[in-house]
């Protein structure tokens, strides 16, 4: 399917996500920016148009990190 990746296992999918976030932090992504908040990131990564709840994803990650997904930016992960 266009725009979707399927990984053979969770570990490889996780490493791909880490690489994607690192590219955003390094300013090498054409889609993601280091200045995006977690909410903004997940609005692109898992859009509601694909039946996702991007803000729920952002809240989950924000809770795990102990940060506010509305203000915490991707570059703050570095």
N, C-alpha and C. Protein backbone atom coordinates (compact mmCIF):
# COMPACT_ATOMS: atom_id res chain seq x y z
N UNK A 1 0.84 -1.18 0.00
CA UNK A 1 0.00 0.00 0.00
C UNK A 1 0.88 1.24 0.00
N UNK A 2 0.46 2.24 -0.70
CA UNK A 2 1.21 3.48 -0.78
C UNK A 2 1.20 4.18 0.57
N UNK A 3 2.39 4.60 1.02
CA UNK A 3 2.49 5.36 2.25
C UNK A 3 2.58 4.53 3.52
N UNK A 4 2.51 3.22 3.40
CA UNK A 4 2.58 2.36 4.57
C UNK A 4 3.79 1.45 4.47
N UNK A 5 4.41 1.20 5.62
CA UNK A 5 5.52 0.25 5.67
C UNK A 5 5.07 -0.95 6.51
N UNK A 6 5.51 -2.10 6.09
CA UNK A 6 5.26 -3.32 6.85
C UNK A 6 6.62 -3.91 7.19
N UNK A 7 6.85 -4.13 8.47
CA UNK A 7 8.14 -4.63 8.93
C UNK A 7 8.00 -6.08 9.36
N UNK A 8 9.06 -6.85 9.21
CA UNK A 8 8.98 -8.26 9.57
C UNK A 8 8.85 -8.50 11.07
N UNK A 9 9.24 -7.50 11.87
CA UNK A 9 9.10 -7.64 13.32
C UNK A 9 9.09 -6.26 13.97
N UNK A 10 8.68 -6.23 15.22
CA UNK A 10 8.54 -4.97 15.95
C UNK A 10 9.87 -4.24 16.09
N UNK A 11 10.93 -4.97 16.32
CA UNK A 11 12.25 -4.36 16.51
C UNK A 11 12.68 -3.56 15.28
N UNK A 12 12.50 -4.12 14.11
CA UNK A 12 12.90 -3.40 12.89
C UNK A 12 12.01 -2.18 12.65
N UNK A 13 10.74 -2.30 12.97
CA UNK A 13 9.84 -1.16 12.86
C UNK A 13 10.23 -0.05 13.82
N UNK A 14 10.62 -0.44 15.03
CA UNK A 14 11.06 0.55 16.02
C UNK A 14 12.33 1.25 15.54
N UNK A 15 13.29 0.50 15.02
CA UNK A 15 14.53 1.11 14.52
C UNK A 15 14.25 2.06 13.36
N UNK A 16 13.30 1.72 12.53
CA UNK A 16 12.93 2.61 11.42
C UNK A 16 12.32 3.91 11.96
N UNK A 17 11.50 3.80 12.99
CA UNK A 17 10.91 4.99 13.60
C UNK A 17 12.00 5.86 14.23
N UNK A 18 12.93 5.25 14.92
CA UNK A 18 14.04 6.00 15.53
C UNK A 18 14.82 6.74 14.45
N UNK A 19 15.10 6.06 13.34
CA UNK A 19 15.83 6.69 12.24
C UNK A 19 15.04 7.86 11.65
N UNK A 20 13.73 7.71 11.55
CA UNK A 20 12.88 8.77 11.01
C UNK A 20 12.91 10.00 11.92
N UNK A 21 12.83 9.78 13.22
CA UNK A 21 12.87 10.88 14.18
C UNK A 21 14.25 11.54 14.14
N UNK A 22 15.30 10.75 14.05
CA UNK A 22 16.66 11.31 14.00
C UNK A 22 16.85 12.17 12.77
N UNK A 23 16.30 11.74 11.64
CA UNK A 23 16.38 12.54 10.41
C UNK A 23 15.67 13.88 10.60
N UNK A 24 14.56 13.88 11.31
CA UNK A 24 13.85 15.13 11.59
C UNK A 24 14.71 16.03 12.47
N UNK A 25 15.31 15.46 13.50
CA UNK A 25 16.18 16.23 14.40
C UNK A 25 17.35 16.83 13.64
N UNK A 26 17.91 16.06 12.71
CA UNK A 26 19.07 16.51 11.94
C UNK A 26 18.71 17.44 10.79
N UNK A 27 17.42 17.69 10.58
CA UNK A 27 16.98 18.55 9.49
C UNK A 27 17.08 17.89 8.12
N UNK A 28 17.09 16.58 8.08
CA UNK A 28 17.24 15.83 6.83
C UNK A 28 15.94 15.22 6.32
N UNK A 29 14.85 15.46 7.02
CA UNK A 29 13.56 14.91 6.60
C UNK A 29 12.82 15.92 5.74
N UNK A 30 12.17 15.42 4.71
CA UNK A 30 11.35 16.29 3.87
C UNK A 30 9.94 16.42 4.43
N UNK A 31 9.58 15.58 5.39
CA UNK A 31 8.22 15.55 5.92
C UNK A 31 8.15 16.08 7.35
N UNK A 32 9.09 15.69 8.16
CA UNK A 32 9.07 16.04 9.58
C UNK A 32 10.12 17.11 9.89
N UNK A 33 9.78 18.02 10.82
CA UNK A 33 10.70 19.08 11.23
C UNK A 33 11.04 18.91 12.71
N UNK A 34 12.24 19.29 13.07
CA UNK A 34 12.68 19.20 14.46
C UNK A 34 11.82 20.06 15.38
N UNK A 35 11.21 21.09 14.83
CA UNK A 35 10.41 22.02 15.64
C UNK A 35 8.97 21.55 15.86
N UNK A 36 8.60 20.42 15.26
CA UNK A 36 7.25 19.90 15.45
C UNK A 36 7.06 19.44 16.89
N UNK A 37 5.87 19.72 17.43
CA UNK A 37 5.53 19.15 18.73
C UNK A 37 5.18 17.68 18.52
N UNK A 38 5.05 16.95 19.60
CA UNK A 38 4.63 15.55 19.47
C UNK A 38 3.26 15.47 18.79
N UNK A 39 2.35 16.37 19.16
CA UNK A 39 1.04 16.39 18.51
C UNK A 39 1.18 16.58 17.01
N UNK A 40 1.97 17.55 16.58
CA UNK A 40 2.15 17.83 15.15
C UNK A 40 2.80 16.65 14.44
N UNK A 41 3.78 16.04 15.09
CA UNK A 41 4.47 14.89 14.50
C UNK A 41 3.49 13.76 14.23
N UNK A 42 2.69 13.43 15.23
CA UNK A 42 1.77 12.31 15.06
C UNK A 42 0.60 12.63 14.15
N UNK A 43 0.27 13.91 13.97
CA UNK A 43 -0.75 14.28 12.99
C UNK A 43 -0.30 13.91 11.57
N UNK A 44 1.01 13.90 11.35
CA UNK A 44 1.56 13.51 10.04
C UNK A 44 1.85 12.01 10.03
N UNK A 45 2.47 11.50 11.09
CA UNK A 45 2.87 10.09 11.16
C UNK A 45 1.68 9.14 11.17
N UNK A 46 0.64 9.51 11.90
CA UNK A 46 -0.55 8.65 12.03
C UNK A 46 -1.80 9.51 11.90
N UNK A 47 -2.07 10.01 10.70
CA UNK A 47 -3.18 10.97 10.52
C UNK A 47 -4.56 10.37 10.81
N UNK A 48 -5.44 11.23 11.25
CA UNK A 48 -6.81 10.78 11.54
C UNK A 48 -7.51 10.32 10.26
N UNK A 49 -7.06 10.81 9.10
CA UNK A 49 -7.66 10.38 7.83
C UNK A 49 -7.43 8.89 7.56
N UNK A 50 -6.48 8.29 8.28
CA UNK A 50 -6.22 6.85 8.18
C UNK A 50 -6.83 6.10 9.36
N UNK A 51 -7.83 6.70 9.98
CA UNK A 51 -8.54 6.09 11.12
C UNK A 51 -7.67 5.99 12.37
N UNK A 52 -6.68 6.86 12.51
CA UNK A 52 -5.84 6.91 13.70
C UNK A 52 -6.32 8.02 14.62
N UNK A 53 -5.84 8.00 15.84
CA UNK A 53 -6.05 9.10 16.78
C UNK A 53 -4.67 9.65 17.12
N UNK A 54 -4.16 10.58 16.29
CA UNK A 54 -2.79 11.06 16.47
C UNK A 54 -2.53 11.68 17.84
N UNK A 55 -3.53 12.35 18.40
CA UNK A 55 -3.32 12.98 19.70
C UNK A 55 -3.26 11.93 20.80
N UNK A 56 -3.94 10.81 20.63
CA UNK A 56 -3.82 9.72 21.60
C UNK A 56 -2.41 9.14 21.55
N UNK A 57 -1.87 8.97 20.34
CA UNK A 57 -0.48 8.51 20.21
C UNK A 57 0.46 9.49 20.89
N UNK A 58 0.27 10.78 20.62
CA UNK A 58 1.13 11.81 21.20
C UNK A 58 1.02 11.83 22.73
N UNK A 59 -0.19 11.67 23.25
CA UNK A 59 -0.37 11.62 24.71
C UNK A 59 0.34 10.41 25.30
N UNK A 60 0.24 9.27 24.62
CA UNK A 60 0.90 8.05 25.11
C UNK A 60 2.40 8.27 25.21
N UNK A 61 2.99 8.79 24.14
CA UNK A 61 4.44 9.04 24.12
C UNK A 61 4.80 10.13 25.14
N UNK A 62 4.01 11.19 25.17
CA UNK A 62 4.25 12.26 26.14
C UNK A 62 4.20 11.76 27.58
N UNK A 63 3.24 10.88 27.86
CA UNK A 63 3.15 10.30 29.22
C UNK A 63 4.37 9.46 29.54
N UNK A 64 4.83 8.68 28.57
CA UNK A 64 6.02 7.85 28.78
C UNK A 64 7.26 8.70 29.04
N UNK A 65 7.33 9.86 28.36
CA UNK A 65 8.47 10.76 28.52
C UNK A 65 8.29 11.76 29.66
N UNK A 66 7.06 11.88 30.17
CA UNK A 66 6.79 12.85 31.22
C UNK A 66 6.77 14.28 30.71
N UNK A 67 6.26 14.47 29.47
CA UNK A 67 6.23 15.80 28.85
C UNK A 67 4.84 16.09 28.29
N UNK A 68 4.59 17.37 28.00
CA UNK A 68 3.33 17.79 27.40
C UNK A 68 3.45 17.68 25.88
N UNK A 69 2.66 16.82 25.24
CA UNK A 69 2.78 16.62 23.79
C UNK A 69 2.37 17.85 22.97
N UNK A 70 1.72 18.80 23.62
CA UNK A 70 1.32 20.03 22.91
C UNK A 70 2.47 21.01 22.79
N UNK A 71 3.50 20.88 23.64
CA UNK A 71 4.61 21.83 23.62
C UNK A 71 5.97 21.21 23.44
N UNK A 72 6.11 19.93 23.75
CA UNK A 72 7.40 19.24 23.63
C UNK A 72 7.71 19.00 22.17
N UNK A 73 8.90 19.43 21.72
CA UNK A 73 9.26 19.30 20.30
C UNK A 73 10.18 18.11 20.05
N UNK A 74 10.19 17.68 18.81
CA UNK A 74 11.04 16.56 18.41
C UNK A 74 12.50 16.83 18.72
N UNK A 75 12.96 18.07 18.49
CA UNK A 75 14.38 18.36 18.72
C UNK A 75 14.76 18.20 20.19
N UNK A 76 13.78 18.27 21.10
CA UNK A 76 14.07 18.08 22.51
C UNK A 76 14.38 16.62 22.84
N UNK A 77 14.20 15.72 21.89
CA UNK A 77 14.54 14.31 22.10
C UNK A 77 16.05 14.08 21.99
N UNK A 78 16.74 15.02 21.34
CA UNK A 78 18.19 14.79 21.12
C UNK A 78 19.01 15.09 22.35
